Amino acid sequence: RCFANGTATMKIALQVAGIGDGDEVITT
């Protein structure tokens, strides 16, 4: 699925994965 920008794609990926309040995500 396509989105308005690559920021929206990542935000929606987090939402699809059910990630939210109190969760931790490891990144660089």
mmCIF file of all heavy atoms, coordinates in Angstrom:
data_MODEL
# 
_entry.id   MODEL 
# 
loop_
_atom_site.group_PDB 
_atom_site.id 
_atom_site.type_symbol 
_atom_site.label_atom_id 
_atom_site.label_alt_id 
_atom_site.label_comp_id 
_atom_site.label_asym_id 
_atom_site.label_entity_id 
_atom_site.label_seq_id 
_atom_site.pdbx_PDB_ins_code 
_atom_site.Cartn_x 
_atom_site.Cartn_y 
_atom_site.Cartn_z 
_atom_site.occupancy 
_atom_site.B_iso_or_equiv 
_atom_site.pdbx_formal_charge 
_atom_site.auth_seq_id 
_atom_site.auth_comp_id 
_atom_site.auth_asym_id 
_atom_site.auth_atom_id 
_atom_site.pdbx_PDB_model_num 
ATOM 1   N N   . ARG A 1 1  ? 0.857  -1.187 0.000  1.00 0.00 ? 1  ARG A N   1 
ATOM 2   C CA  . ARG A 1 1  ? 0.000  0.000  0.000  1.00 0.00 ? 1  ARG A CA  1 
ATOM 3   C C   . ARG A 1 1  ? 0.894  1.239  0.000  1.00 0.00 ? 1  ARG A C   1 
ATOM 4   O O   . ARG A 1 1  ? 1.926  1.268  0.663  1.00 0.00 ? 1  ARG A O   1 
ATOM 5   C CB  . ARG A 1 1  ? -0.931 0.017  1.227  1.00 0.00 ? 1  ARG A CB  1 
ATOM 6   C CG  . ARG A 1 1  ? -1.967 -1.097 1.229  1.00 0.00 ? 1  ARG A CG  1 
ATOM 7   C CD  . ARG A 1 1  ? -2.949 -1.007 0.072  1.00 0.00 ? 1  ARG A CD  1 
ATOM 8   N NE  . ARG A 1 1  ? -3.929 -2.088 0.057  1.00 0.00 ? 1  ARG A NE  1 
ATOM 9   C CZ  . ARG A 1 1  ? -3.773 -3.243 -0.602 1.00 0.00 ? 1  ARG A CZ  1 
ATOM 10  N NH1 . ARG A 1 1  ? -2.650 -3.467 -1.280 1.00 0.00 ? 1  ARG A NH1 1 
ATOM 11  N NH2 . ARG A 1 1  ? -4.718 -4.167 -0.572 1.00 0.00 ? 1  ARG A NH2 1 
ATOM 12  N N   . CYS A 1 2  ? 0.465  2.256  -0.756 1.00 0.00 ? 2  CYS A N   1 
ATOM 13  C CA  . CYS A 1 2  ? 1.243  3.492  -0.882 1.00 0.00 ? 2  CYS A CA  1 
ATOM 14  C C   . CYS A 1 2  ? 0.667  4.598  0.003  1.00 0.00 ? 2  CYS A C   1 
ATOM 15  O O   . CYS A 1 2  ? -0.538 4.610  0.293  1.00 0.00 ? 2  CYS A O   1 
ATOM 16  C CB  . CYS A 1 2  ? 1.254  3.964  -2.332 1.00 0.00 ? 2  CYS A CB  1 
ATOM 17  S SG  . CYS A 1 2  ? 2.242  2.899  -3.394 1.00 0.00 ? 2  CYS A SG  1 
ATOM 18  N N   . PHE A 1 3  ? 1.541  5.530  0.363  1.00 0.00 ? 3  PHE A N   1 
ATOM 19  C CA  . PHE A 1 3  ? 1.175  6.606  1.286  1.00 0.00 ? 3  PHE A CA  1 
ATOM 20  C C   . PHE A 1 3  ? 1.799  7.921  0.830  1.00 0.00 ? 3  PHE A C   1 
ATOM 21  O O   . PHE A 1 3  ? 2.662  7.944  -0.045 1.00 0.00 ? 3  PHE A O   1 
ATOM 22  C CB  . PHE A 1 3  ? 1.636  6.250  2.703  1.00 0.00 ? 3  PHE A CB  1 
ATOM 23  C CG  . PHE A 1 3  ? 1.033  4.964  3.204  1.00 0.00 ? 3  PHE A CG  1 
ATOM 24  C CD1 . PHE A 1 3  ? 1.645  3.753  2.933  1.00 0.00 ? 3  PHE A CD1 1 
ATOM 25  C CD2 . PHE A 1 3  ? -0.166 4.959  3.883  1.00 0.00 ? 3  PHE A CD2 1 
ATOM 26  C CE1 . PHE A 1 3  ? 1.073  2.554  3.347  1.00 0.00 ? 3  PHE A CE1 1 
ATOM 27  C CE2 . PHE A 1 3  ? -0.749 3.766  4.311  1.00 0.00 ? 3  PHE A CE2 1 
ATOM 28  C CZ  . PHE A 1 3  ? -0.122 2.563  4.041  1.00 0.00 ? 3  PHE A CZ  1 
ATOM 29  N N   . ALA A 1 4  ? 1.367  8.989  1.465  1.00 0.00 ? 4  ALA A N   1 
ATOM 30  C CA  . ALA A 1 4  ? 1.785  10.348 1.074  1.00 0.00 ? 4  ALA A CA  1 
ATOM 31  C C   . ALA A 1 4  ? 3.277  10.584 1.255  1.00 0.00 ? 4  ALA A C   1 
ATOM 32  O O   . ALA A 1 4  ? 3.864  11.418 0.582  1.00 0.00 ? 4  ALA A O   1 
ATOM 33  C CB  . ALA A 1 4  ? 0.990  11.380 1.870  1.00 0.00 ? 4  ALA A CB  1 
ATOM 34  N N   . ASN A 1 5  ? 3.898  9.854  2.176  1.00 0.00 ? 5  ASN A N   1 
ATOM 35  C CA  . ASN A 1 5  ? 5.334  9.999  2.408  1.00 0.00 ? 5  ASN A CA  1 
ATOM 36  C C   . ASN A 1 5  ? 5.840  8.801  3.203  1.00 0.00 ? 5  ASN A C   1 
ATOM 37  O O   . ASN A 1 5  ? 5.054  8.001  3.706  1.00 0.00 ? 5  ASN A O   1 
ATOM 38  C CB  . ASN A 1 5  ? 5.657  11.319 3.134  1.00 0.00 ? 5  ASN A CB  1 
ATOM 39  C CG  . ASN A 1 5  ? 4.786  11.513 4.363  1.00 0.00 ? 5  ASN A CG  1 
ATOM 40  O OD1 . ASN A 1 5  ? 4.853  10.732 5.306  1.00 0.00 ? 5  ASN A OD1 1 
ATOM 41  N ND2 . ASN A 1 5  ? 3.943  12.532 4.344  1.00 0.00 ? 5  ASN A ND2 1 
ATOM 42  N N   . GLY A 1 6  ? 7.173  8.699  3.299  1.00 0.00 ? 6  GLY A N   1 
ATOM 43  C CA  . GLY A 1 6  ? 7.798  7.591  4.001  1.00 0.00 ? 6  GLY A CA  1 
ATOM 44  C C   . GLY A 1 6  ? 7.690  7.672  5.515  1.00 0.00 ? 6  GLY A C   1 
ATOM 45  O O   . GLY A 1 6  ? 7.964  6.689  6.202  1.00 0.00 ? 6  GLY A O   1 
ATOM 46  N N   . THR A 1 7  ? 7.308  8.830  6.024  1.00 0.00 ? 7  THR A N   1 
ATOM 47  C CA  . THR A 1 7  ? 7.040  8.948  7.466  1.00 0.00 ? 7  THR A CA  1 
ATOM 48  C C   . THR A 1 7  ? 5.712  8.278  7.797  1.00 0.00 ? 7  THR A C   1 
ATOM 49  O O   . THR A 1 7  ? 5.612  7.514  8.765  1.00 0.00 ? 7  THR A O   1 
ATOM 50  C CB  . THR A 1 7  ? 7.021  10.433 7.899  1.00 0.00 ? 7  THR A CB  1 
ATOM 51  O OG1 . THR A 1 7  ? 8.266  11.035 7.535  1.00 0.00 ? 7  THR A OG1 1 
ATOM 52  C CG2 . THR A 1 7  ? 6.812  10.569 9.390  1.00 0.00 ? 7  THR A CG2 1 
ATOM 53  N N   . ALA A 1 8  ? 4.709  8.537  6.957  1.00 0.00 ? 8  ALA A N   1 
ATOM 54  C CA  . ALA A 1 8  ? 3.392  7.907  7.147  1.00 0.00 ? 8  ALA A CA  1 
ATOM 55  C C   . ALA A 1 8  ? 3.493  6.385  7.069  1.00 0.00 ? 8  ALA A C   1 
ATOM 56  O O   . ALA A 1 8  ? 2.845  5.675  7.845  1.00 0.00 ? 8  ALA A O   1 
ATOM 57  C CB  . ALA A 1 8  ? 2.412  8.424  6.103  1.00 0.00 ? 8  ALA A CB  1 
ATOM 58  N N   . THR A 1 9  ? 4.331  5.879  6.170  1.00 0.00 ? 9  THR A N   1 
ATOM 59  C CA  . THR A 1 9  ? 4.443  4.417  6.042  1.00 0.00 ? 9  THR A CA  1 
ATOM 60  C C   . THR A 1 9  ? 4.945  3.793  7.343  1.00 0.00 ? 9  THR A C   1 
ATOM 61  O O   . THR A 1 9  ? 4.464  2.741  7.758  1.00 0.00 ? 9  THR A O   1 
ATOM 62  C CB  . THR A 1 9  ? 5.411  4.011  4.904  1.00 0.00 ? 9  THR A CB  1 
ATOM 63  O OG1 . THR A 1 9  ? 6.716  4.482  5.192  1.00 0.00 ? 9  THR A OG1 1 
ATOM 64  C CG2 . THR A 1 9  ? 4.981  4.534  3.569  1.00 0.00 ? 9  THR A CG2 1 
ATOM 65  N N   . MET A 1 10 ? 5.901  4.449  7.987  1.00 0.00 ? 10 MET A N   1 
ATOM 66  C CA  . MET A 1 10 ? 6.449  3.902  9.243  1.00 0.00 ? 10 MET A CA  1 
ATOM 67  C C   . MET A 1 10 ? 5.461  4.045  10.398 1.00 0.00 ? 10 MET A C   1 
ATOM 68  O O   . MET A 1 10 ? 5.313  3.137  11.213 1.00 0.00 ? 10 MET A O   1 
ATOM 69  C CB  . MET A 1 10 ? 7.767  4.595  9.594  1.00 0.00 ? 10 MET A CB  1 
ATOM 70  C CG  . MET A 1 10 ? 8.893  4.227  8.663  1.00 0.00 ? 10 MET A CG  1 
ATOM 71  S SD  . MET A 1 10 ? 10.483 4.764  9.310  1.00 0.00 ? 10 MET A SD  1 
ATOM 72  C CE  . MET A 1 10 ? 10.285 6.529  9.275  1.00 0.00 ? 10 MET A CE  1 
ATOM 73  N N   . LYS A 1 11 ? 4.790  5.184  10.444 1.00 0.00 ? 11 LYS A N   1 
ATOM 74  C CA  . LYS A 1 11 ? 3.784  5.401  11.495 1.00 0.00 ? 11 LYS A CA  1 
ATOM 75  C C   . LYS A 1 11 ? 2.685  4.337  11.378 1.00 0.00 ? 11 LYS A C   1 
ATOM 76  O O   . LYS A 1 11 ? 2.282  3.719  12.384 1.00 0.00 ? 11 LYS A O   1 
ATOM 77  C CB  . LYS A 1 11 ? 3.187  6.810  11.343 1.00 0.00 ? 11 LYS A CB  1 
ATOM 78  C CG  . LYS A 1 11 ? 2.053  7.115  12.319 1.00 0.00 ? 11 LYS A CG  1 
ATOM 79  C CD  . LYS A 1 11 ? 1.314  8.403  11.964 1.00 0.00 ? 11 LYS A CD  1 
ATOM 80  C CE  . LYS A 1 11 ? 0.451  8.254  10.739 1.00 0.00 ? 11 LYS A CE  1 
ATOM 81  N NZ  . LYS A 1 11 ? -0.322 9.464  10.403 1.00 0.00 ? 11 LYS A NZ  1 
ATOM 82  N N   . ILE A 1 12 ? 2.226  4.114  10.165 1.00 0.00 ? 12 ILE A N   1 
ATOM 83  C CA  . ILE A 1 12 ? 1.139  3.151  9.957  1.00 0.00 ? 12 ILE A CA  1 
ATOM 84  C C   . ILE A 1 12 ? 1.629  1.719  10.175 1.00 0.00 ? 12 ILE A C   1 
ATOM 85  O O   . ILE A 1 12 ? 0.885  0.885  10.685 1.00 0.00 ? 12 ILE A O   1 
ATOM 86  C CB  . ILE A 1 12 ? 0.487  3.397  8.585  1.00 0.00 ? 12 ILE A CB  1 
ATOM 87  C CG1 . ILE A 1 12 ? -0.342 4.699  8.684  1.00 0.00 ? 12 ILE A CG1 1 
ATOM 88  C CG2 . ILE A 1 12 ? -0.384 2.224  8.141  1.00 0.00 ? 12 ILE A CG2 1 
ATOM 89  C CD1 . ILE A 1 12 ? -0.857 5.257  7.395  1.00 0.00 ? 12 ILE A CD1 1 
ATOM 90  N N   . ALA A 1 13 ? 2.898  1.447  9.869  1.00 0.00 ? 13 ALA A N   1 
ATOM 91  C CA  . ALA A 1 13 ? 3.458  0.122  10.178 1.00 0.00 ? 13 ALA A CA  1 
ATOM 92  C C   . ALA A 1 13 ? 3.395  -0.142 11.684 1.00 0.00 ? 13 ALA A C   1 
ATOM 93  O O   . ALA A 1 13 ? 3.011  -1.238 12.118 1.00 0.00 ? 13 ALA A O   1 
ATOM 94  C CB  . ALA A 1 13 ? 4.898  0.035  9.687  1.00 0.00 ? 13 ALA A CB  1 
ATOM 95  N N   . LEU A 1 14 ? 3.752  0.866  12.477 1.00 0.00 ? 14 LEU A N   1 
ATOM 96  C CA  . LEU A 1 14 ? 3.670  0.728  13.938 1.00 0.00 ? 14 LEU A CA  1 
ATOM 97  C C   . LEU A 1 14 ? 2.228  0.496  14.379 1.00 0.00 ? 14 LEU A C   1 
ATOM 98  O O   . LEU A 1 14 ? 1.964  -0.346 15.256 1.00 0.00 ? 14 LEU A O   1 
ATOM 99  C CB  . LEU A 1 14 ? 4.225  1.988  14.612 1.00 0.00 ? 14 LEU A CB  1 
ATOM 100 C CG  . LEU A 1 14 ? 5.745  2.182  14.554 1.00 0.00 ? 14 LEU A CG  1 
ATOM 101 C CD1 . LEU A 1 14 ? 6.112  3.630  14.858 1.00 0.00 ? 14 LEU A CD1 1 
ATOM 102 C CD2 . LEU A 1 14 ? 6.461  1.247  15.526 1.00 0.00 ? 14 LEU A CD2 1 
ATOM 103 N N   . GLN A 1 15 ? 1.290  1.230  13.761 1.00 0.00 ? 15 GLN A N   1 
ATOM 104 C CA  . GLN A 1 15 ? -0.124 1.072  14.120 1.00 0.00 ? 15 GLN A CA  1 
ATOM 105 C C   . GLN A 1 15 ? -0.643 -0.310 13.727 1.00 0.00 ? 15 GLN A C   1 
ATOM 106 O O   . GLN A 1 15 ? -1.380 -0.947 14.488 1.00 0.00 ? 15 GLN A O   1 
ATOM 107 C CB  . GLN A 1 15 ? -0.956 2.166  13.440 1.00 0.00 ? 15 GLN A CB  1 
ATOM 108 C CG  . GLN A 1 15 ? -0.687 3.561  14.012 1.00 0.00 ? 15 GLN A CG  1 
ATOM 109 C CD  . GLN A 1 15 ? -1.437 4.639  13.239 1.00 0.00 ? 15 GLN A CD  1 
ATOM 110 O OE1 . GLN A 1 15 ? -1.317 4.745  12.017 1.00 0.00 ? 15 GLN A OE1 1 
ATOM 111 N NE2 . GLN A 1 15 ? -2.206 5.442  13.949 1.00 0.00 ? 15 GLN A NE2 1 
ATOM 112 N N   . VAL A 1 16 ? -0.259 -0.782 12.549 1.00 0.00 ? 16 VAL A N   1 
ATOM 113 C CA  . VAL A 1 16 ? -0.675 -2.113 12.098 1.00 0.00 ? 16 VAL A CA  1 
ATOM 114 C C   . VAL A 1 16 ? -0.138 -3.182 13.053 1.00 0.00 ? 16 VAL A C   1 
ATOM 115 O O   . VAL A 1 16 ? -0.817 -4.166 13.354 1.00 0.00 ? 16 VAL A O   1 
ATOM 116 C CB  . VAL A 1 16 ? -0.203 -2.367 10.640 1.00 0.00 ? 16 VAL A CB  1 
ATOM 117 C CG1 . VAL A 1 16 ? -0.307 -3.846 10.278 1.00 0.00 ? 16 VAL A CG1 1 
ATOM 118 C CG2 . VAL A 1 16 ? -1.013 -1.524 9.659  1.00 0.00 ? 16 VAL A CG2 1 
ATOM 119 N N   . ALA A 1 17 ? 1.087  -2.965 13.559 1.00 0.00 ? 17 ALA A N   1 
ATOM 120 C CA  . ALA A 1 17 ? 1.696  -3.914 14.499 1.00 0.00 ? 17 ALA A CA  1 
ATOM 121 C C   . ALA A 1 17 ? 1.135  -3.770 15.911 1.00 0.00 ? 17 ALA A C   1 
ATOM 122 O O   . ALA A 1 17 ? 1.520  -4.520 16.817 1.00 0.00 ? 17 ALA A O   1 
ATOM 123 C CB  . ALA A 1 17 ? 3.211  -3.720 14.514 1.00 0.00 ? 17 ALA A CB  1 
ATOM 124 N N   . GLY A 1 18 ? 0.240  -2.803 16.113 1.00 0.00 ? 18 GLY A N   1 
ATOM 125 C CA  . GLY A 1 18 ? -0.401 -2.627 17.417 1.00 0.00 ? 18 GLY A CA  1 
ATOM 126 C C   . GLY A 1 18 ? 0.505  -2.024 18.471 1.00 0.00 ? 18 GLY A C   1 
ATOM 127 O O   . GLY A 1 18 ? 0.315  -2.238 19.670 1.00 0.00 ? 18 GLY A O   1 
ATOM 128 N N   . ILE A 1 19 ? 1.497  -1.265 18.047 1.00 0.00 ? 19 ILE A N   1 
ATOM 129 C CA  . ILE A 1 19 ? 2.454  -0.681 18.997 1.00 0.00 ? 19 ILE A CA  1 
ATOM 130 C C   . ILE A 1 19 ? 1.973  0.692  19.443 1.00 0.00 ? 19 ILE A C   1 
ATOM 131 O O   . ILE A 1 19 ? 1.564  1.512  18.620 1.00 0.00 ? 19 ILE A O   1 
ATOM 132 C CB  . ILE A 1 19 ? 3.860  -0.623 18.364 1.00 0.00 ? 19 ILE A CB  1 
ATOM 133 C CG1 . ILE A 1 19 ? 4.380  -2.061 18.243 1.00 0.00 ? 19 ILE A CG1 1 
ATOM 134 C CG2 . ILE A 1 19 ? 4.827  0.230  19.178 1.00 0.00 ? 19 ILE A CG2 1 
ATOM 135 C CD1 . ILE A 1 19 ? 5.506  -2.253 17.297 1.00 0.00 ? 19 ILE A CD1 1 
ATOM 136 N N   . GLY A 1 20 ? 2.002  0.919  20.767 1.00 0.00 ? 20 GLY A N   1 
ATOM 137 C CA  . GLY A 1 20 ? 1.484  2.183  21.296 1.00 0.00 ? 20 GLY A CA  1 
ATOM 138 C C   . GLY A 1 20 ? 2.012  2.494  22.678 1.00 0.00 ? 20 GLY A C   1 
ATOM 139 O O   . GLY A 1 20 ? 3.165  2.187  23.009 1.00 0.00 ? 20 GLY A O   1 
ATOM 140 N N   . ASP A 1 21 ? 1.155  3.089  23.500 1.00 0.00 ? 21 ASP A N   1 
ATOM 141 C CA  . ASP A 1 21 ? 1.555  3.585  24.820 1.00 0.00 ? 21 ASP A CA  1 
ATOM 142 C C   . ASP A 1 21 ? 2.310  2.542  25.642 1.00 0.00 ? 21 ASP A C   1 
ATOM 143 O O   . ASP A 1 21 ? 1.833  1.415  25.807 1.00 0.00 ? 21 ASP A O   1 
ATOM 144 C CB  . ASP A 1 21 ? 0.312  4.027  25.618 1.00 0.00 ? 21 ASP A CB  1 
ATOM 145 C CG  . ASP A 1 21 ? -0.282 5.306  25.047 1.00 0.00 ? 21 ASP A CG  1 
ATOM 146 O OD1 . ASP A 1 21 ? 0.423  5.986  24.279 1.00 0.00 ? 21 ASP A OD1 1 
ATOM 147 O OD2 . ASP A 1 21 ? -1.447 5.606  25.361 1.00 0.00 ? 21 ASP A OD2 1 
ATOM 148 N N   . GLY A 1 22 ? 3.479  2.954  26.142 1.00 0.00 ? 22 GLY A N   1 
ATOM 149 C CA  . GLY A 1 22 ? 4.239  2.104  27.048 1.00 0.00 ? 22 GLY A CA  1 
ATOM 150 C C   . GLY A 1 22 ? 5.129  1.070  26.378 1.00 0.00 ? 22 GLY A C   1 
ATOM 151 O O   . GLY A 1 22 ? 5.923  0.418  27.044 1.00 0.00 ? 22 GLY A O   1 
ATOM 152 N N   . ASP A 1 23 ? 4.978  0.902  25.055 1.00 0.00 ? 23 ASP A N   1 
ATOM 153 C CA  . ASP A 1 23 ? 5.814  -0.068 24.345 1.00 0.00 ? 23 ASP A CA  1 
ATOM 154 C C   . ASP A 1 23 ? 7.177  0.543  24.031 1.00 0.00 ? 23 ASP A C   1 
ATOM 155 O O   . ASP A 1 23 ? 7.312  1.764  23.946 1.00 0.00 ? 23 ASP A O   1 
ATOM 156 C CB  . ASP A 1 23 ? 5.145  -0.509 23.036 1.00 0.00 ? 23 ASP A CB  1 
ATOM 157 C CG  . ASP A 1 23 ? 3.847  -1.268 23.271 1.00 0.00 ? 23 ASP A CG  1 
ATOM 158 O OD1 . ASP A 1 23 ? 3.720  -1.907 24.339 1.00 0.00 ? 23 ASP A OD1 1 
ATOM 159 O OD2 . ASP A 1 23 ? 2.960  -1.226 22.399 1.00 0.00 ? 23 ASP A OD2 1 
ATOM 160 N N   . GLU A 1 24 ? 8.168  -0.324 23.837 1.00 0.00 ? 24 GLU A N   1 
ATOM 161 C CA  . GLU A 1 24 ? 9.503  0.120  23.442 1.00 0.00 ? 24 GLU A CA  1 
ATOM 162 C C   . GLU A 1 24 ? 9.855  -0.433 22.066 1.00 0.00 ? 24 GLU A C   1 
ATOM 163 O O   . GLU A 1 24 ? 9.506  -1.578 21.745 1.00 0.00 ? 24 GLU A O   1 
ATOM 164 C CB  . GLU A 1 24 ? 10.554 -0.338 24.456 1.00 0.00 ? 24 GLU A CB  1 
ATOM 165 C CG  . GLU A 1 24 ? 10.449 0.376  25.794 1.00 0.00 ? 24 GLU A CG  1 
ATOM 166 C CD  . GLU A 1 24 ? 11.461 -0.115 26.830 1.00 0.00 ? 24 GLU A CD  1 
ATOM 167 O OE1 . GLU A 1 24 ? 12.244 -1.042 26.520 1.00 0.00 ? 24 GLU A OE1 1 
ATOM 168 O OE2 . GLU A 1 24 ? 11.439 0.435  27.954 1.00 0.00 ? 24 GLU A OE2 1 
ATOM 169 N N   . VAL A 1 25 ? 10.523 0.405  21.272 1.00 0.00 ? 25 VAL A N   1 
ATOM 170 C CA  . VAL A 1 25 ? 10.967 -0.001 19.937 1.00 0.00 ? 25 VAL A CA  1 
ATOM 171 C C   . VAL A 1 25 ? 12.456 0.301  19.831 1.00 0.00 ? 25 VAL A C   1 
ATOM 172 O O   . VAL A 1 25 ? 12.886 1.443  20.035 1.00 0.00 ? 25 VAL A O   1 
ATOM 173 C CB  . VAL A 1 25 ? 10.193 0.755  18.833 1.00 0.00 ? 25 VAL A CB  1 
ATOM 174 C CG1 . VAL A 1 25 ? 10.696 0.347  17.449 1.00 0.00 ? 25 VAL A CG1 1 
ATOM 175 C CG2 . VAL A 1 25 ? 8.692  0.497  18.949 1.00 0.00 ? 25 VAL A CG2 1 
ATOM 176 N N   . ILE A 1 26 ? 13.247 -0.714 19.527 1.00 0.00 ? 26 ILE A N   1 
ATOM 177 C CA  . ILE A 1 26 ? 14.695 -0.548 19.402 1.00 0.00 ? 26 ILE A CA  1 
ATOM 178 C C   . ILE A 1 26 ? 15.034 -0.035 18.007 1.00 0.00 ? 26 ILE A C   1 
ATOM 179 O O   . ILE A 1 26 ? 14.552 -0.579 17.002 1.00 0.00 ? 26 ILE A O   1 
ATOM 180 C CB  . ILE A 1 26 ? 15.414 -1.879 19.690 1.00 0.00 ? 26 ILE A CB  1 
ATOM 181 C CG1 . ILE A 1 26 ? 15.250 -2.230 21.172 1.00 0.00 ? 26 ILE A CG1 1 
ATOM 182 C CG2 . ILE A 1 26 ? 16.892 -1.814 19.297 1.00 0.00 ? 26 ILE A CG2 1 
ATOM 183 C CD1 . ILE A 1 26 ? 15.760 -3.597 21.556 1.00 0.00 ? 26 ILE A CD1 1 
ATOM 184 N N   . THR A 1 27 ? 15.858 1.019  17.950 1.00 0.00 ? 27 THR A N   1 
ATOM 185 C CA  . THR A 1 27 ? 16.249 1.572  16.650 1.00 0.00 ? 27 THR A CA  1 
ATOM 186 C C   . THR A 1 27 ? 17.650 2.184  16.733 1.00 0.00 ? 27 THR A C   1 
ATOM 187 O O   . THR A 1 27 ? 18.328 2.072  17.753 1.00 0.00 ? 27 THR A O   1 
ATOM 188 C CB  . THR A 1 27 ? 15.189 2.574  16.135 1.00 0.00 ? 27 THR A CB  1 
ATOM 189 O OG1 . THR A 1 27 ? 15.465 2.867  14.755 1.00 0.00 ? 27 THR A OG1 1 
ATOM 190 C CG2 . THR A 1 27 ? 15.164 3.860  16.945 1.00 0.00 ? 27 THR A CG2 1 
ATOM 191 N N   . THR A 1 28 ? 18.062 2.811  15.642 1.00 0.00 ? 28 THR A N   1 
ATOM 192 C CA  . THR A 1 28 ? 19.402 3.380  15.526 1.00 0.00 ? 28 THR A CA  1 
ATOM 193 C C   . THR A 1 28 ? 19.384 4.895  15.721 1.00 0.00 ? 28 THR A C   1 
ATOM 194 O O   . THR A 1 28 ? 18.419 5.548  15.328 1.00 0.00 ? 28 THR A O   1 
ATOM 195 C CB  . THR A 1 28 ? 19.995 3.056  14.140 1.00 0.00 ? 28 THR A CB  1 
ATOM 196 O OG1 . THR A 1 28 ? 21.198 3.823  13.945 1.00 0.00 ? 28 THR A OG1 1 
ATOM 197 C CG2 . THR A 1 28 ? 19.031 3.441  13.017 1.00 0.00 ? 28 THR A CG2 1 
# 
